[in-house]
Amino acid sequence: MSQKCRLAMVILMVTDVEKAVAFYEQLGAQKRCLFPKSWAELTLDEITIALCNTDQDSGQRRTGLVFAIDDLMAFYAQQKGTLTFLEEPITKLHGIMTSLQDPSGNIVELYQATPEKVREFMKNQPDCASSCAKAPADMTADRRQESGCCKGDVADDKCCRS
């Protein structure tokens, strides 16, 4: 493999985001953001732990590792004949992503951040420009919007920080 991958995030599916945040904070993780009832991100050492709300039974949850890669499209083109990708890379505002299976069927996520797209998007959002610009640099714009962040929290400067 010519490109270096690094473990960037571990995603855990949880049934109660707020309770899960409290649990992982007791283990020493630091909260980076919280979207009540949907998503939270914490850091522990250099690893991001993401908590994603789900109603699925524990046997059906997709919990996995997210590897950051600098040029996902090039990696995909180079490896699509030798690795088992579940889909072609998908480009969204916050990044490019795809999933693949390891030889045992475990699903691993690959992700390339596109912070320049997020910054450009945020410049064109009058409701978000001030407060959300202060949120963590790798916080995605659609997560901000999805949570209602930048709509009601701008005046309180609580964007992505509850």
Protein backbone atom coordinates (compact mmCIF):
# COMPACT_ATOMS: atom_id res chain seq x y z
CA MET A 1 0.00 0.00 0.00
CA SER A 2 1.60 3.26 -1.11
CA GLN A 3 -0.53 5.60 1.00
CA LYS A 4 -0.36 5.70 4.76
CA CYS A 5 -3.58 5.17 6.69
CA ARG A 6 -3.88 6.21 10.30
CA LEU A 7 -6.56 5.32 12.79
CA ALA A 8 -8.56 8.50 13.13
CA MET A 9 -11.78 7.54 14.85
CA VAL A 10 -13.64 4.74 16.55
CA ILE A 11 -17.42 4.91 16.13
CA LEU A 12 -19.63 3.30 18.74
CA MET A 13 -23.37 2.89 18.25
CA VAL A 14 -25.19 3.79 21.48
CA THR A 15 -28.79 3.89 22.63
CA ASP A 16 -28.37 7.04 24.77
CA VAL A 17 -25.75 9.55 23.63
CA GLU A 18 -25.77 11.64 26.82
CA LYS A 19 -25.32 8.62 29.11
CA ALA A 20 -22.56 7.29 26.86
CA VAL A 21 -20.74 10.66 26.97
CA ALA A 22 -20.89 10.64 30.77
CA PHE A 23 -19.53 7.08 30.83
CA TYR A 24 -16.57 7.81 28.55
CA GLU A 25 -15.80 11.05 30.37
CA GLN A 26 -15.47 8.98 33.54
CA LEU A 27 -12.85 6.94 31.69
CA GLY A 28 -10.87 10.10 30.92
CA ALA A 29 -12.17 11.07 27.48
CA GLN A 30 -12.63 14.78 26.75
CA LYS A 31 -15.88 15.89 25.09
CA ARG A 32 -15.36 17.80 21.85
CA CYS A 33 -18.98 18.18 20.78
CA LEU A 34 -22.42 16.91 21.60
CA PHE A 35 -25.55 16.87 19.49
CA PRO A 36 -28.10 15.64 22.03
CA LYS A 37 -29.84 12.43 21.02
CA SER A 38 -27.81 11.98 17.82
CA TRP A 39 -23.99 12.29 17.92
CA ALA A 40 -21.05 13.14 20.16
CA GLU A 41 -17.30 13.19 19.74
CA LEU A 42 -14.75 12.75 22.49
CA THR A 43 -10.98 12.44 22.38
CA LEU A 44 -8.81 10.06 24.31
CA ASP A 45 -5.12 10.54 23.64
CA GLU A 46 -4.97 11.12 19.87
CA ILE A 47 -8.06 9.06 18.98
CA THR A 48 -11.55 10.42 18.42
CA ILE A 49 -14.36 8.35 19.89
CA ALA A 50 -17.62 9.08 18.12
CA LEU A 51 -20.92 8.07 19.68
CA CYS A 52 -23.80 7.64 17.25
CA ASN A 53 -27.38 7.13 18.38
CA THR A 54 -29.14 3.97 17.20
CA ASP A 55 -32.31 2.03 17.88
CA GLN A 56 -30.88 -1.20 16.44
CA ASP A 57 -30.38 -4.31 18.53
CA SER A 58 -26.76 -4.76 19.54
CA GLY A 59 -26.39 -7.70 17.15
CA GLN A 60 -27.25 -5.46 14.18
CA ARG A 61 -25.08 -2.46 14.97
CA ARG A 62 -22.36 -1.33 12.65
CA THR A 63 -19.53 -0.24 14.91
CA GLY A 64 -16.13 0.14 13.44
CA LEU A 65 -12.80 1.75 12.88
CA VAL A 66 -12.35 4.82 10.72
CA PHE A 67 -9.00 5.21 8.99
CA ALA A 68 -8.02 8.64 7.67
CA ILE A 69 -6.32 8.64 4.30
CA ASP A 70 -4.89 11.61 2.42
CA ASP A 71 -6.14 10.74 -1.11
CA LEU A 72 -9.04 8.33 -0.87
CA MET A 73 -9.93 8.42 -4.57
CA ALA A 74 -6.38 7.43 -5.56
CA PHE A 75 -6.33 4.69 -2.92
CA TYR A 76 -9.67 3.36 -4.15
CA ALA A 77 -8.51 3.35 -7.77
CA GLN A 78 -5.33 1.53 -6.79
CA GLN A 79 -6.95 -1.07 -4.50
CA LYS A 80 -10.47 -1.69 -5.87
CA GLY A 81 -9.40 -4.93 -7.52
CA THR A 82 -7.70 -6.33 -4.43
CA LEU A 83 -9.83 -5.15 -1.50
CA THR A 84 -13.55 -5.73 -0.87
CA PHE A 85 -15.13 -2.28 -1.00
CA LEU A 86 -18.82 -2.11 -0.09
CA GLU A 87 -19.37 0.95 -2.29
CA GLU A 88 -17.53 3.49 -4.36
CA PRO A 89 -16.27 6.51 -2.43
CA ILE A 90 -19.03 9.01 -1.62
CA THR A 91 -18.24 12.73 -1.59
CA LYS A 92 -20.06 14.83 0.97
CA LEU A 93 -19.45 18.32 2.25
CA HIS A 94 -17.23 17.22 5.15
CA GLY A 95 -15.27 14.54 3.34
CA ILE A 96 -14.96 11.55 1.08
CA MET A 97 -15.78 8.15 2.53
CA THR A 98 -16.16 4.50 1.70
CA SER A 99 -16.40 1.18 3.52
CA LEU A 100 -14.62 -2.09 2.99
CA GLN A 101 -14.60 -5.52 4.58
CA ASP A 102 -11.61 -7.26 6.03
CA PRO A 103 -11.10 -10.99 5.34
CA SER A 104 -13.27 -11.88 8.37
CA GLY A 105 -16.17 -9.66 7.31
CA ASN A 106 -15.46 -6.76 9.68
CA ILE A 107 -16.37 -3.40 8.18
CA VAL A 108 -13.67 -0.74 8.15
CA GLU A 109 -14.36 2.85 7.14
CA LEU A 110 -11.96 4.98 5.10
CA TYR A 111 -12.28 8.77 5.24
CA GLN A 112 -10.63 11.79 3.68
CA ALA A 113 -11.52 15.10 5.33
CA THR A 114 -12.27 18.10 3.13
CA PRO A 115 -11.92 21.01 5.58
CA GLU A 116 -11.57 23.52 2.74
CA LYS A 117 -15.12 22.68 1.56
CA VAL A 118 -16.46 23.10 5.10
CA ARG A 119 -14.75 26.48 5.49
CA GLU A 120 -16.09 27.69 2.13
CA PHE A 121 -19.59 26.48 2.98
CA MET A 122 -19.50 28.19 6.38
CA LYS A 123 -18.49 31.53 4.83
CA ASN A 124 -21.70 31.48 2.81
CA GLN A 125 -23.96 30.73 5.79
CA PRO A 126 -24.93 34.01 7.45
CA ASP A 127 -26.44 32.23 10.46
CA CYS A 128 -23.29 30.22 11.06
CA ALA A 129 -20.33 32.33 10.11
CA SER A 130 -19.50 33.71 13.54
CA SER A 131 -20.28 31.02 16.07
CA CYS A 132 -19.63 27.89 14.06
CA ALA A 133 -16.33 29.19 12.83
CA LYS A 134 -15.21 28.86 16.45
CA ALA A 135 -16.22 25.19 16.63
CA PRO A 136 -13.52 22.51 16.27
CA ALA A 137 -11.92 22.73 12.83
CA ASP A 138 -12.79 19.15 11.92
CA MET A 139 -16.46 19.46 12.98
CA THR A 140 -18.52 18.87 9.88
CA ALA A 141 -20.93 21.49 8.64
CA ASP A 142 -23.77 19.05 8.04
CA ARG A 143 -23.44 17.72 11.59
CA ARG A 144 -23.71 21.32 12.78
CA GLN A 145 -26.79 21.95 10.69
CA GLU A 146 -28.35 18.57 11.49
CA SER A 147 -28.21 19.26 15.19
CA GLY A 148 -29.71 22.71 14.93
CA CYS A 149 -26.32 24.18 15.69
CA CYS A 150 -25.94 27.67 14.23
CA LYS A 151 -29.67 28.20 14.14
CA GLY A 152 -30.52 28.88 17.77
CA ASP A 153 -27.11 28.81 19.40
CA VAL A 154 -25.31 31.59 17.56
CA ALA A 155 -26.17 34.27 20.10
CA ASP A 156 -25.16 32.04 23.00
CA ASP A 157 -21.91 30.90 21.32
CA LYS A 158 -22.76 27.32 22.28
CA CYS A 159 -22.43 25.92 18.78
CA CYS A 160 -21.40 22.28 19.07
CA ARG A 161 -20.41 22.66 22.73
CA SER A 162 -23.39 21.77 24.92
